[in-house]
Amino acid sequence: MDEAVKSFSKEIDDAFQSAWHAAKGGDAKWSEIMSSYGAEPLPDSDKEKLLNSEMKITRGAFPIELRRVFEKIGAKHPNDYKNFAMDSKILEYYQKIKPFSGLGDIFSNAATGTQKYSQGLQKEKHSTMKCKNCGAPRLEEMQYDNCMFCGSKLFEPA
């Protein structure tokens, strides 16, 4: 592995670990890391929305903030970044920070979510728009760009 690839991989791994070891929703140290890359943190109002959403986390920075740091690292290493599987790395991160729910909770959780977010929609055969990468529901009715939780595109370009 040449030095440029090593440098890219190390920066990606360091950012991943820093985000994972941050306090729930991020902390001062994570904010310093974001700032050092020039990555924009989530506004406090969005952090509050996400902390109160169904996309629970037990620790770490929000996936969308990690994505923003990864994008800045990618700008420094464009040749290595073009082969980087961003969505799968963000999903791997989310799997590490989400709470573990026992297998018995899966169906009751699904039933609760269906009732909460699809109330009155069964007859019309509508469903809640969810992120194709992490499964987060669209938190705002007019949200058409990127997932507020992980940053993936909600819709494919036409």
Protein backbone atom coordinates (compact mmCIF):
# COMPACT_ATOMS: atom_id res chain seq x y z
CA MET A 1 0.00 0.00 0.00
CA ASP A 2 1.51 3.33 -0.98
CA GLU A 3 1.81 6.26 1.43
CA ALA A 4 -1.14 8.23 -0.01
CA VAL A 5 -3.53 5.28 0.45
CA LYS A 6 -2.15 4.68 3.96
CA SER A 7 -2.70 8.34 4.82
CA PHE A 8 -6.28 8.30 3.49
CA SER A 9 -7.13 5.06 5.30
CA LYS A 10 -5.59 6.31 8.55
CA GLU A 11 -7.54 9.57 8.42
CA ILE A 12 -10.79 7.70 7.70
CA ASP A 13 -10.14 5.24 10.55
CA ASP A 14 -9.15 8.01 12.96
CA ALA A 15 -12.30 9.99 12.16
CA PHE A 16 -14.45 6.86 12.54
CA GLN A 17 -12.92 6.08 15.94
CA SER A 18 -13.17 9.67 17.13
CA ALA A 19 -16.84 9.85 16.18
CA TRP A 20 -17.52 6.49 17.84
CA HIS A 21 -15.77 7.44 21.09
CA ALA A 22 -17.54 10.81 21.33
CA ALA A 23 -20.35 11.34 23.80
CA LYS A 24 -23.91 10.74 22.57
CA GLY A 25 -24.59 13.38 19.90
CA GLY A 26 -20.96 14.55 19.89
CA ASP A 27 -18.82 16.44 22.36
CA ALA A 28 -16.17 19.17 22.48
CA LYS A 29 -13.40 16.88 21.23
CA TRP A 30 -15.52 15.77 18.26
CA SER A 31 -16.35 19.42 17.54
CA GLU A 32 -12.61 20.17 17.44
CA ILE A 33 -12.07 17.36 14.93
CA MET A 34 -14.91 18.62 12.74
CA SER A 35 -13.51 22.13 12.96
CA SER A 36 -9.99 20.94 12.05
CA TYR A 37 -11.40 19.57 8.78
CA GLY A 38 -13.69 22.54 8.17
CA ALA A 39 -16.77 20.29 8.40
CA GLU A 40 -20.03 21.97 9.36
CA PRO A 41 -21.64 20.60 12.53
CA LEU A 42 -25.37 20.08 12.77
CA PRO A 43 -27.29 23.01 14.26
CA ASP A 44 -28.41 22.38 17.85
CA SER A 45 -32.06 22.35 16.71
CA ASP A 46 -31.36 19.47 14.28
CA LYS A 47 -29.39 17.60 16.95
CA GLU A 48 -32.37 17.92 19.28
CA LYS A 49 -34.74 16.63 16.56
CA LEU A 50 -32.49 13.63 15.91
CA LEU A 51 -32.02 12.84 19.60
CA ASN A 52 -35.81 12.73 19.94
CA SER A 53 -36.44 10.79 16.72
CA GLU A 54 -36.92 7.06 16.36
CA MET A 55 -33.31 6.74 15.13
CA LYS A 56 -31.81 6.23 18.57
CA ILE A 57 -28.10 6.25 19.31
CA THR A 58 -26.35 5.12 22.48
CA ARG A 59 -23.10 6.97 21.91
CA GLY A 60 -21.03 8.82 19.36
CA ALA A 61 -21.46 11.66 16.94
CA PHE A 62 -24.32 11.70 14.47
CA PRO A 63 -23.63 9.78 11.24
CA ILE A 64 -24.25 12.85 9.09
CA GLU A 65 -21.44 14.69 10.88
CA LEU A 66 -19.07 11.77 10.29
CA ARG A 67 -20.08 11.84 6.62
CA ARG A 68 -19.18 15.53 6.45
CA VAL A 69 -15.72 14.79 7.88
CA PHE A 70 -15.27 11.89 5.42
CA GLU A 71 -16.16 14.27 2.56
CA LYS A 72 -13.48 16.73 3.71
CA ILE A 73 -10.92 13.89 3.93
CA GLY A 74 -11.98 12.84 0.44
CA ALA A 75 -11.33 16.34 -0.87
CA LYS A 76 -7.74 16.02 0.38
CA HIS A 77 -7.33 12.57 -1.22
CA PRO A 78 -9.51 12.58 -4.37
CA ASN A 79 -7.86 9.54 -6.00
CA ASP A 80 -8.45 7.33 -2.96
CA TYR A 81 -11.87 8.80 -2.24
CA LYS A 82 -13.38 7.81 -5.60
CA ASN A 83 -13.21 4.12 -4.53
CA PHE A 84 -14.46 4.78 -1.00
CA ALA A 85 -17.83 3.19 -0.18
CA MET A 86 -19.27 6.07 1.82
CA ASP A 87 -22.78 4.72 2.42
CA SER A 88 -21.57 1.32 3.60
CA LYS A 89 -19.01 2.92 5.96
CA ILE A 90 -21.69 5.22 7.42
CA LEU A 91 -24.04 2.25 7.83
CA GLU A 92 -21.25 0.30 9.57
CA TYR A 93 -20.83 3.24 11.93
CA TYR A 94 -24.56 3.44 12.64
CA GLN A 95 -24.62 -0.29 13.45
CA LYS A 96 -22.01 0.40 16.14
CA ILE A 97 -23.80 3.34 17.79
CA LYS A 98 -27.41 2.20 17.69
CA PRO A 99 -28.92 0.54 20.74
CA PHE A 100 -29.14 -3.23 20.80
CA SER A 101 -32.69 -4.44 21.02
CA GLY A 102 -33.33 -8.05 21.73
CA LEU A 103 -34.98 -10.14 19.06
CA GLY A 104 -38.26 -10.12 20.98
CA ASP A 105 -38.55 -6.37 20.52
CA ILE A 106 -38.33 -6.41 16.73
CA PHE A 107 -42.00 -7.04 15.98
CA SER A 108 -43.37 -4.82 18.76
CA ASN A 109 -41.03 -2.04 17.63
CA ALA A 110 -42.18 -2.42 14.03
CA ALA A 111 -45.84 -2.34 15.06
CA THR A 112 -45.28 0.80 17.15
CA GLY A 113 -43.44 2.53 14.32
CA THR A 114 -46.10 1.59 11.81
CA GLN A 115 -48.85 3.00 14.01
CA LYS A 116 -46.90 6.16 14.81
CA TYR A 117 -45.74 7.09 11.32
CA SER A 118 -48.34 5.53 9.03
CA GLN A 119 -51.53 6.41 10.87
CA GLY A 120 -54.40 6.64 8.44
CA LEU A 121 -52.24 5.74 5.47
CA GLN A 122 -53.00 2.01 5.25
CA LYS A 123 -56.23 2.58 3.32
CA GLU A 124 -54.51 4.82 0.77
CA LYS A 125 -51.52 2.45 0.47
CA HIS A 126 -48.99 5.18 1.29
CA SER A 127 -45.88 4.67 3.33
CA THR A 128 -43.40 6.79 5.20
CA MET A 129 -40.40 7.85 3.10
CA LYS A 130 -37.32 6.20 4.60
CA CYS A 131 -33.63 6.52 3.86
CA LYS A 132 -32.41 3.68 1.64
CA ASN A 133 -29.12 3.55 3.56
CA CYS A 134 -29.97 3.70 7.27
CA GLY A 135 -33.77 3.38 7.34
CA ALA A 136 -34.39 6.69 9.11
CA PRO A 137 -37.81 8.22 8.39
CA ARG A 138 -37.94 11.55 6.62
CA LEU A 139 -38.30 13.94 9.57
CA GLU A 140 -39.70 16.88 7.66
CA GLU A 141 -42.51 16.71 5.13
CA MET A 142 -40.67 18.86 2.59
CA GLN A 143 -37.31 17.12 2.98
CA TYR A 144 -36.23 15.96 -0.47
CA ASP A 145 -32.46 16.27 -0.44
CA ASN A 146 -30.47 14.18 2.04
CA CYS A 147 -31.26 12.12 5.11
CA MET A 148 -30.93 14.27 8.24
CA PHE A 149 -29.52 11.30 10.14
CA CYS A 150 -26.83 9.79 7.89
CA GLY A 151 -26.64 12.24 4.98
CA SER A 152 -27.43 9.76 2.16
CA LYS A 153 -29.53 10.99 -0.76
CA LEU A 154 -33.22 10.34 -0.12
CA PHE A 155 -34.10 10.26 -3.82
CA GLU A 156 -32.13 9.22 -6.88
CA PRO A 157 -31.71 11.93 -9.52
CA ALA A 158 -34.06 11.57 -12.47
